Amino acid sequence: MIDLRLLREDPDRVRASQRARGEDVALVDALLSADERRRSSGVRFDELRAEQKQLGKLIPKATPEERAELLGRAEQLKSDVKAADAERDEADAETQRLLLGLGNLVHPGVPVGGEEDFVTLETHGTIRDFDAEGFAPKDHLELGQILGAIDTERGAKVSGSRFYFLTGVGALLELALVNAAIAQATAAGFTPMLTPALVRPQSMAGTGFLGQAAQDVYHLDKDDLYLVGTSEVALAAYHMDEIIDADRLPMRYAGFSPCFRREAGSHGKDTRGIFRVHQFDKVEMFSYVAPEDSEAEHQRLLEWEKQWLTSLELPFRVIDVATADLGSSAARKFDCEAWIPTQGKYRELTSTSDCTEYQSRRLQIRMRDGKKVRPLATLNGTLCAVPRTIVAILENHQQPDGSVRVPEVLRPYLGGREVLEPVAK
């Protein structure tokens, strides 16, 4: 959530951020009104309680005539205090409810607009010219079947649409990717983490995933637990309700977990293969830093993502995501999109978001800087979303006979294998 003091001091900035996101601007004025009621009712409660305490001191010293009048006033005050307390609690609850519905303040450098209004910042690698090489590229699903690596038919039989099996070299390729990604992250100073896939409501809400992203979240009603869509949720809530000494920052974690997404808004999109699925594994980077260091940390996360995609020898571009496509927690987001030959376009493989103090305020995570205690900043960045990375590797490194060249960075994790070979039928 944002700082209420900032809202009071500069409501126009918050209105502009909401407008840029395509969100309800009226929420800002409703929140200002609720905050004013909260503060005024709090003042009234304090005044009445002070009078009540003062009256309690006067009654024992009063004459019989005065005492009757004071007791009558005490009875009225008791009722007034109770009403003021209820009004204060109601106003506070309304303020919190509205505050939780407000998106993070958008960074001034973010391009304004919707999904297609991003700005391309960099382009890396060379897109292969398959025509010049004399063959038409196969898509990842056909290659996966040739290699005995992907089985979506049995995935659908067992679990339904958008589920799959990775088999043979497909399973080995995932394990190689995860191990290589964790090795890069560990070398960069991240603490590797295996995180829970089920979290409590306060963890999910605290990271902002029960707002506009709620339709894509799986909820277990019987247990009131949520399946995470990313280990970001568990990594953010890891230090919930804690105060962290400033000299421990930055703290960086690399989480590996299964991820679950309903993909409720993607009907008809990417239905072939494993690009958009309900369950997948992912290595996620997560950082806790001082707020003044968050922009520099955001660039570091992006550099680690670029290092990873470059090591996989994939052509990709970096985009600055537009305001309406940010997600409620992010002040700014950069995506790395790899070229997918059979689609003829770049598709998102990694994403990194600067969430500033938004999540830490919701999760009550603070830093102690000398005698001062204040919210810190959180950031996240995908290092390897496995299925999409497999899609990009198979399609970009395929050979005419259906075999696939293995990038050098993965070979030590595949027993030195340089090529994934078609399986005998």
Protein backbone atom coordinates (compact mmCIF):
# COMPACT_ATOMS: atom_id res chain seq x y z
CA MET A 1 0.00 0.00 0.00
CA ILE A 2 1.08 3.59 -0.41
CA ASP A 3 1.97 6.05 2.37
CA LEU A 4 -1.17 7.84 3.64
CA ARG A 5 0.88 10.95 4.36
CA LEU A 6 1.90 11.14 0.72
CA LEU A 7 -1.76 10.83 -0.26
CA ARG A 8 -2.71 13.76 1.96
CA GLU A 9 0.21 15.92 0.83
CA ASP A 10 0.03 15.22 -2.91
CA PRO A 11 -3.31 13.66 -3.88
CA ASP A 12 -2.91 14.85 -7.48
CA ARG A 13 0.14 12.60 -7.89
CA VAL A 14 -1.90 9.63 -6.69
CA ARG A 15 -4.80 10.56 -8.99
CA ALA A 16 -2.39 10.78 -11.94
CA SER A 17 -0.96 7.34 -11.09
CA GLN A 18 -4.43 5.79 -10.92
CA ARG A 19 -5.40 7.45 -14.21
CA ALA A 20 -2.24 6.16 -15.92
CA ARG A 21 -3.01 2.64 -14.71
CA GLY A 22 -6.53 2.87 -16.10
CA GLU A 23 -7.87 2.43 -12.56
CA ASP A 24 -10.64 4.25 -10.68
CA VAL A 25 -9.52 7.81 -9.84
CA ALA A 26 -12.56 8.33 -7.59
CA LEU A 27 -10.97 5.86 -5.18
CA VAL A 28 -8.46 8.57 -4.22
CA ASP A 29 -11.15 11.01 -3.04
CA ALA A 30 -13.06 8.26 -1.25
CA LEU A 31 -9.85 7.32 0.57
CA LEU A 32 -9.12 10.94 1.50
CA SER A 33 -12.63 11.25 2.94
CA ALA A 34 -12.35 7.99 4.90
CA ASP A 35 -8.93 9.02 6.24
CA GLU A 36 -10.35 12.36 7.41
CA ARG A 37 -13.19 10.54 9.18
CA ARG A 38 -10.69 8.16 10.74
CA ARG A 39 -8.54 10.97 12.09
CA SER A 40 -11.42 13.15 13.32
CA SER A 41 -13.18 10.23 15.01
CA GLY A 42 -9.87 9.31 16.64
CA VAL A 43 -9.49 12.84 17.99
CA ARG A 44 -13.08 12.78 19.31
CA PHE A 45 -12.49 9.41 20.99
CA ASP A 46 -9.31 10.69 22.67
CA GLU A 47 -11.08 13.84 23.89
CA LEU A 48 -13.99 11.87 25.34
CA ARG A 49 -11.67 9.36 27.03
CA ALA A 50 -9.66 12.21 28.56
CA GLU A 51 -12.85 13.79 29.92
CA GLN A 52 -13.95 10.38 31.21
CA LYS A 53 -10.68 9.92 33.11
CA GLN A 54 -10.84 13.44 34.52
CA LEU A 55 -14.41 12.84 35.65
CA GLY A 56 -13.33 9.64 37.37
CA LYS A 57 -10.94 11.70 39.52
CA LEU A 58 -13.58 14.31 40.40
CA ILE A 59 -16.38 11.98 41.52
CA PRO A 60 -14.73 10.73 44.76
CA LYS A 61 -14.08 14.35 45.87
CA ALA A 62 -17.54 15.70 44.96
CA THR A 63 -20.33 16.66 47.35
CA PRO A 64 -23.45 14.46 47.30
CA GLU A 65 -25.25 17.04 45.15
CA GLU A 66 -22.33 17.33 42.70
CA ARG A 67 -21.81 13.58 42.61
CA ALA A 68 -25.31 12.91 41.28
CA GLU A 69 -24.71 15.32 38.41
CA LEU A 70 -21.23 13.92 37.73
CA LEU A 71 -22.52 10.35 37.74
CA GLY A 72 -25.16 11.33 35.19
CA ARG A 73 -22.44 12.88 33.03
CA ALA A 74 -20.26 9.76 33.48
CA GLU A 75 -23.09 7.57 32.24
CA GLN A 76 -23.50 9.76 29.16
CA LEU A 77 -19.76 9.75 28.55
CA LYS A 78 -19.67 5.96 28.75
CA SER A 79 -22.21 5.81 25.92
CA ASP A 80 -20.42 8.53 23.92
CA VAL A 81 -17.02 6.84 24.27
CA LYS A 82 -18.46 3.53 23.10
CA ALA A 83 -20.05 5.20 20.06
CA ALA A 84 -16.85 7.14 19.25
CA ASP A 85 -14.80 3.95 19.54
CA ALA A 86 -17.14 2.16 17.10
CA GLU A 87 -17.05 5.12 14.70
CA ARG A 88 -13.24 5.20 14.85
CA ASP A 89 -12.97 1.45 14.17
CA GLU A 90 -15.45 1.68 11.28
CA ALA A 91 -13.58 4.61 9.70
CA ASP A 92 -10.24 2.85 10.16
CA ALA A 93 -11.56 -0.34 8.55
CA GLU A 94 -12.96 1.66 5.60
CA THR A 95 -9.64 3.49 5.20
CA GLN A 96 -7.71 0.22 5.16
CA ARG A 97 -10.14 -1.38 2.71
CA LEU A 98 -9.82 1.52 0.26
CA LEU A 99 -6.05 1.77 0.77
CA LEU A 100 -5.62 -1.90 -0.14
CA GLY A 101 -7.48 -1.26 -3.40
CA LEU A 102 -5.08 1.44 -4.51
CA GLY A 103 -2.23 0.49 -6.86
CA ASN A 104 1.40 1.43 -6.25
CA LEU A 105 2.51 4.86 -7.44
CA VAL A 106 3.77 4.57 -11.00
CA HIS A 107 7.38 5.59 -11.61
CA PRO A 108 7.48 8.81 -13.68
CA GLY A 109 9.61 7.13 -16.36
CA VAL A 110 7.04 4.43 -17.19
CA PRO A 111 5.39 4.78 -20.62
CA VAL A 112 1.68 5.55 -20.35
CA GLY A 113 -0.78 3.20 -22.03
CA GLY A 114 -1.90 -0.40 -22.36
CA GLU A 115 -0.28 -3.72 -23.19
CA GLU A 116 0.97 -2.64 -26.63
CA ASP A 117 2.32 0.75 -25.50
CA PHE A 118 5.62 -0.56 -24.09
CA VAL A 119 8.95 0.97 -25.07
CA THR A 120 11.74 -1.27 -26.41
CA LEU A 121 14.95 -0.48 -24.52
CA GLU A 122 17.41 -3.02 -25.94
CA THR A 123 17.66 -5.87 -28.44
CA HIS A 124 20.14 -8.73 -28.05
CA GLY A 125 21.24 -11.63 -30.23
CA THR A 126 20.58 -12.49 -33.86
CA ILE A 127 17.31 -13.92 -35.15
CA ARG A 128 17.98 -17.00 -37.29
CA ASP A 129 17.02 -16.89 -40.96
CA PHE A 130 15.55 -20.36 -41.44
CA ASP A 131 14.76 -19.67 -45.10
CA ALA A 132 18.45 -19.03 -45.73
CA GLU A 133 19.26 -22.27 -43.91
CA GLY A 134 16.88 -24.14 -46.21
CA PHE A 135 14.24 -25.49 -43.83
CA ALA A 136 11.03 -24.42 -42.13
CA PRO A 137 11.23 -24.33 -38.30
CA LYS A 138 9.05 -26.72 -36.32
CA ASP A 139 7.15 -25.43 -33.31
CA HIS A 140 8.11 -26.50 -29.80
CA LEU A 141 5.32 -29.04 -29.46
CA GLU A 142 6.28 -30.90 -32.64
CA LEU A 143 9.92 -30.82 -31.57
CA GLY A 144 8.96 -31.99 -28.09
CA GLN A 145 7.13 -34.96 -29.56
CA ILE A 146 10.04 -35.82 -31.88
CA LEU A 147 12.43 -35.70 -28.92
CA GLY A 148 10.08 -37.63 -26.61
CA ALA A 149 10.20 -34.57 -24.33
CA ILE A 150 6.63 -33.19 -24.10
CA ASP A 151 3.31 -34.99 -23.77
CA THR A 152 0.28 -32.68 -23.70
CA GLU A 153 -2.26 -35.33 -24.75
CA ARG A 154 -1.73 -37.36 -21.60
CA GLY A 155 -1.47 -34.17 -19.58
CA ALA A 156 -4.98 -33.29 -20.75
CA LYS A 157 -6.18 -36.83 -20.10
CA VAL A 158 -4.88 -36.78 -16.53
CA SER A 159 -5.55 -33.18 -15.50
CA GLY A 160 -7.34 -31.27 -18.27
CA SER A 161 -6.35 -28.57 -20.74
CA ARG A 162 -3.15 -26.56 -20.19
CA PHE A 163 -1.47 -29.41 -18.29
CA TYR A 164 1.43 -31.48 -19.61
CA PHE A 165 4.11 -34.06 -18.87
CA LEU A 166 7.80 -33.42 -19.44
CA THR A 167 9.27 -36.81 -20.33
CA GLY A 168 12.76 -38.15 -20.99
CA VAL A 169 15.06 -35.36 -22.14
CA GLY A 170 12.25 -32.88 -21.45
CA ALA A 171 12.41 -33.69 -17.74
CA LEU A 172 16.21 -33.64 -17.84
CA LEU A 173 16.14 -30.28 -19.62
CA GLU A 174 13.99 -28.77 -16.86
CA LEU A 175 16.35 -30.05 -14.17
CA ALA A 176 19.33 -28.68 -16.12
CA LEU A 177 17.67 -25.27 -16.43
CA VAL A 178 16.81 -25.12 -12.74
CA ASN A 179 20.29 -26.18 -11.65
CA ALA A 180 21.99 -23.74 -14.02
CA ALA A 181 19.73 -20.88 -12.93
CA ILE A 182 20.26 -21.58 -9.23
CA ALA A 183 24.03 -21.81 -9.87
CA GLN A 184 24.01 -18.36 -11.52
CA ALA A 185 21.92 -16.88 -8.72
CA THR A 186 24.10 -18.41 -6.00
CA ALA A 187 27.24 -17.08 -7.69
CA ALA A 188 25.62 -13.61 -7.67
CA GLY A 189 25.06 -13.80 -3.90
CA PHE A 190 21.45 -15.00 -3.71
CA THR A 191 20.44 -17.45 -0.98
CA PRO A 192 18.73 -20.43 -2.65
CA MET A 193 15.28 -21.22 -1.22
CA LEU A 194 12.73 -23.99 -1.69
CA THR A 195 9.46 -22.29 -0.82
CA PRO A 196 5.91 -23.38 0.16
CA ALA A 197 3.39 -23.63 -2.66
CA LEU A 198 0.47 -23.02 -0.28
CA VAL A 199 0.19 -19.74 1.64
CA ARG A 200 -2.25 -18.06 4.01
CA PRO A 201 -4.56 -15.24 2.84
CA GLN A 202 -2.49 -12.53 4.53
CA SER A 203 0.58 -13.62 2.55
CA MET A 204 -1.30 -13.56 -0.77
CA ALA A 205 -3.05 -10.26 -0.02
CA GLY A 206 0.15 -8.70 1.31
CA THR A 207 1.94 -9.15 -2.00
CA GLY A 208 -1.01 -7.70 -3.93
CA PHE A 209 -2.25 -10.86 -5.67
CA LEU A 210 -5.81 -10.72 -4.36
CA GLY A 211 -6.60 -7.52 -6.22
CA GLN A 212 -6.72 -7.38 -10.01
CA ALA A 213 -4.92 -10.76 -10.25
CA ALA A 214 -7.45 -12.58 -8.04
CA GLN A 215 -9.18 -14.26 -10.99
CA ASP A 216 -6.00 -16.21 -11.76
CA VAL A 217 -5.48 -17.50 -8.21
CA TYR A 218 -6.38 -21.01 -7.01
CA HIS A 219 -8.00 -21.08 -3.54
CA LEU A 220 -8.53 -24.13 -1.32
CA ASP A 221 -11.79 -23.26 0.45
CA LYS A 222 -11.62 -26.05 3.03
CA ASP A 223 -8.22 -24.93 4.31
CA ASP A 224 -8.40 -21.22 3.39
CA LEU A 225 -5.03 -21.50 1.67
CA TYR A 226 -3.90 -20.23 -1.72
CA LEU A 227 -1.72 -21.92 -4.33
CA VAL A 228 1.03 -19.46 -5.28
CA GLY A 229 1.38 -18.20 -8.84
CA THR A 230 5.02 -17.41 -8.10
CA SER A 231 7.44 -17.96 -5.22
CA GLU A 232 7.52 -14.16 -4.94
CA VAL A 233 4.54 -14.54 -2.57
CA ALA A 234 6.35 -16.79 -0.09
CA LEU A 235 9.61 -14.87 -0.41
CA ALA A 236 7.89 -11.54 0.27
CA ALA A 237 6.00 -12.94 3.28
CA TYR A 238 9.14 -14.67 4.61
CA HIS A 239 9.98 -11.58 6.70
CA MET A 240 6.37 -10.55 7.40
CA ASP A 241 5.96 -8.63 10.70
CA GLU A 242 9.73 -8.30 11.12
CA ILE A 243 12.15 -5.41 11.61
CA ILE A 244 15.43 -5.93 9.73
CA ASP A 245 18.65 -4.11 10.64
CA ALA A 246 19.81 -1.85 7.81
CA ASP A 247 23.29 -3.38 7.80
CA ARG A 248 21.76 -6.71 6.69
CA LEU A 249 20.53 -5.14 3.45
CA PRO A 250 20.42 -5.93 0.63
CA MET A 251 19.03 -9.42 1.26
CA ARG A 252 18.58 -11.53 -1.86
CA TYR A 253 16.80 -14.86 -2.24
CA ALA A 254 16.42 -17.21 -5.21
CA GLY A 255 13.27 -19.27 -4.77
CA PHE A 256 12.33 -22.42 -6.65
CA SER A 257 8.72 -23.57 -6.53
CA PRO A 258 5.82 -24.91 -8.54
CA CYS A 259 3.50 -22.11 -9.70
CA PHE A 260 -0.24 -22.32 -10.33
CA ARG A 261 -2.34 -19.97 -12.45
CA ARG A 262 -5.92 -20.25 -13.63
CA GLU A 263 -5.17 -18.17 -16.76
CA ALA A 264 -8.81 -17.11 -16.49
CA GLY A 265 -8.41 -14.19 -18.87
CA SER A 266 -6.52 -16.12 -21.56
CA HIS A 267 -9.32 -18.09 -23.19
CA GLY A 268 -8.18 -19.07 -26.68
CA LYS A 269 -4.63 -17.72 -26.17
CA ASP A 270 -1.61 -20.01 -26.56
CA THR A 271 -3.68 -23.17 -26.38
CA ARG A 272 -1.10 -25.24 -28.27
CA GLY A 273 1.85 -26.62 -26.38
CA ILE A 274 3.28 -25.47 -23.05
CA PHE A 275 3.71 -21.71 -23.41
CA ARG A 276 0.68 -20.83 -21.25
CA VAL A 277 -0.17 -23.50 -18.67
CA HIS A 278 -1.86 -23.90 -15.30
CA GLN A 279 1.15 -25.40 -13.49
CA PHE A 280 4.86 -24.81 -14.05
CA ASP A 281 8.14 -24.50 -12.16
CA LYS A 282 10.11 -21.30 -11.82
CA VAL A 283 13.27 -19.85 -10.31
CA GLU A 284 12.50 -16.39 -8.93
CA MET A 285 14.87 -13.72 -7.62
CA PHE A 286 13.69 -11.56 -4.72
CA SER A 287 15.41 -8.59 -3.06
CA TYR A 288 14.91 -6.59 0.13
CA VAL A 289 16.68 -3.20 -0.04
CA ALA A 290 16.52 0.31 1.40
CA PRO A 291 13.94 2.37 -0.58
CA GLU A 292 16.60 4.74 -1.89
CA ASP A 293 18.42 1.75 -3.44
CA SER A 294 15.44 0.16 -5.21
CA GLU A 295 16.01 1.67 -8.67
CA ALA A 296 19.64 0.53 -8.73
CA GLU A 297 18.59 -2.93 -7.53
CA HIS A 298 15.97 -3.06 -10.28
CA GLN A 299 18.72 -2.56 -12.86
CA ARG A 300 20.80 -5.30 -11.20
CA LEU A 301 17.93 -7.78 -11.42
CA LEU A 302 17.48 -6.90 -15.09
CA GLU A 303 21.19 -7.43 -15.72
CA TRP A 304 21.03 -10.90 -14.12
CA GLU A 305 18.05 -11.78 -16.33
CA LYS A 306 19.93 -10.57 -19.42
CA GLN A 307 22.99 -12.59 -18.37
CA TRP A 308 20.81 -15.69 -18.09
CA LEU A 309 19.12 -15.32 -21.48
CA THR A 310 22.44 -14.50 -23.14
CA SER A 311 23.98 -17.66 -21.65
CA LEU A 312 21.11 -19.63 -23.24
CA GLU A 313 22.08 -18.05 -26.59
CA LEU A 314 18.56 -16.71 -27.18
CA PRO A 315 17.69 -13.61 -29.19
CA PHE A 316 15.66 -11.30 -26.95
CA ARG A 317 14.59 -7.74 -26.32
CA VAL A 318 14.03 -5.70 -23.15
CA ILE A 319 10.86 -3.63 -22.83
CA ASP A 320 9.69 -0.98 -20.38
CA VAL A 321 6.14 -2.14 -19.59
CA ALA A 322 3.37 0.48 -19.92
CA THR A 323 1.35 1.75 -16.95
CA ALA A 324 -1.87 -0.22 -17.49
CA ASP A 325 0.07 -3.50 -17.77
CA LEU A 326 2.13 -3.16 -14.59
CA GLY A 327 0.15 -5.07 -11.98
CA SER A 328 -0.92 -3.34 -8.79
CA SER A 329 2.30 -3.86 -6.80
CA ALA A 330 4.83 -2.66 -9.36
CA ALA A 331 5.98 0.93 -9.70
CA ARG A 332 7.97 -0.09 -12.77
CA LYS A 333 8.47 -3.36 -14.65
CA PHE A 334 10.93 -4.52 -17.30
CA ASP A 335 10.23 -7.64 -19.37
CA CYS A 336 12.75 -9.69 -21.34
CA GLU A 337 11.04 -11.22 -24.37
CA ALA A 338 12.65 -14.01 -26.40
CA TRP A 339 12.11 -14.45 -30.11
CA ILE A 340 9.86 -17.44 -30.90
CA PRO A 341 10.52 -18.40 -34.55
CA THR A 342 7.23 -20.14 -35.37
CA GLN A 343 5.22 -17.28 -33.88
CA GLY A 344 7.33 -14.66 -35.61
CA LYS A 345 7.39 -12.40 -32.55
CA TYR A 346 8.96 -11.79 -29.18
CA ARG A 347 7.25 -13.35 -26.13
CA GLU A 348 7.82 -12.70 -22.43
CA LEU A 349 10.29 -15.03 -20.71
CA THR A 350 11.32 -12.99 -17.68
CA SER A 351 9.99 -9.99 -15.82
CA THR A 352 11.39 -7.81 -13.04
CA SER A 353 9.37 -5.39 -10.91
CA ASP A 354 10.30 -2.65 -8.47
CA CYS A 355 7.53 -2.74 -5.86
CA THR A 356 9.12 0.06 -3.75
CA GLU A 357 7.49 0.10 -0.27
CA TYR A 358 4.10 -1.18 -1.46
CA GLN A 359 4.42 -4.80 -0.33
CA SER A 360 6.44 -4.10 2.80
CA ARG A 361 3.75 -1.74 4.13
CA ARG A 362 1.08 -4.39 3.59
CA LEU A 363 3.21 -7.12 5.16
CA GLN A 364 4.58 -4.95 7.99
CA ILE A 365 8.23 -5.45 7.03
CA ARG A 366 10.46 -2.62 8.20
CA MET A 367 14.13 -1.73 8.47
CA ARG A 368 15.92 -0.28 11.49
CA ASP A 369 18.25 2.50 10.38
CA GLY A 370 19.93 3.83 13.53
CA LYS A 371 17.08 4.89 15.80
CA LYS A 372 14.64 5.19 12.89
CA VAL A 373 12.33 2.37 11.82
CA ARG A 374 10.78 2.65 8.34
CA PRO A 375 9.39 0.47 5.52
CA LEU A 376 11.92 -1.09 3.16
CA ALA A 377 11.58 -1.84 -0.57
CA THR A 378 10.97 -5.20 -2.24
CA LEU A 379 11.76 -6.26 -5.80
CA ASN A 380 11.27 -9.45 -7.78
CA GLY A 381 12.60 -10.85 -11.00
CA THR A 382 12.03 -14.09 -12.92
CA LEU A 383 15.24 -15.91 -13.62
CA CYS A 384 13.79 -19.01 -15.29
CA ALA A 385 10.13 -19.80 -15.97
CA VAL A 386 10.76 -23.35 -17.14
CA PRO A 387 8.13 -24.15 -19.82
CA ARG A 388 8.52 -20.87 -21.72
CA THR A 389 12.30 -21.21 -21.58
CA ILE A 390 12.04 -24.73 -22.98
CA VAL A 391 9.81 -23.38 -25.79
CA ALA A 392 12.46 -20.76 -26.68
CA ILE A 393 15.38 -23.20 -26.51
CA LEU A 394 13.72 -25.88 -28.66
CA GLU A 395 12.60 -23.48 -31.36
CA ASN A 396 15.73 -21.33 -31.54
CA HIS A 397 18.27 -24.16 -31.36
CA GLN A 398 16.52 -26.73 -33.56
CA GLN A 399 18.24 -28.44 -36.49
CA PRO A 400 16.73 -29.74 -39.77
CA ASP A 401 16.40 -33.34 -38.53
CA GLY A 402 14.42 -32.31 -35.42
CA SER A 403 17.39 -32.51 -33.07
CA VAL A 404 18.13 -29.53 -30.82
CA ARG A 405 21.55 -28.08 -30.00
CA VAL A 406 22.13 -27.69 -26.25
CA PRO A 407 23.48 -24.27 -25.14
CA GLU A 408 26.92 -24.63 -23.57
CA VAL A 409 25.76 -23.36 -20.17
CA LEU A 410 23.40 -26.34 -19.83
CA ARG A 411 25.75 -29.08 -21.00
CA PRO A 412 27.38 -29.76 -17.60
CA TYR A 413 23.88 -30.37 -16.20
CA LEU A 414 23.00 -32.77 -19.03
CA GLY A 415 26.00 -35.07 -18.66
CA GLY A 416 27.94 -33.16 -21.31
CA ARG A 417 25.25 -33.75 -23.95
CA GLU A 418 25.65 -31.30 -26.87
CA VAL A 419 22.53 -32.27 -28.83
CA LEU A 420 19.07 -33.54 -27.93
CA GLU A 421 18.41 -36.32 -30.42
CA PRO A 422 15.05 -37.54 -31.84
CA VAL A 423 13.81 -40.72 -30.21
CA ALA A 424 13.24 -43.86 -32.26
CA LYS A 425 9.53 -44.38 -33.07
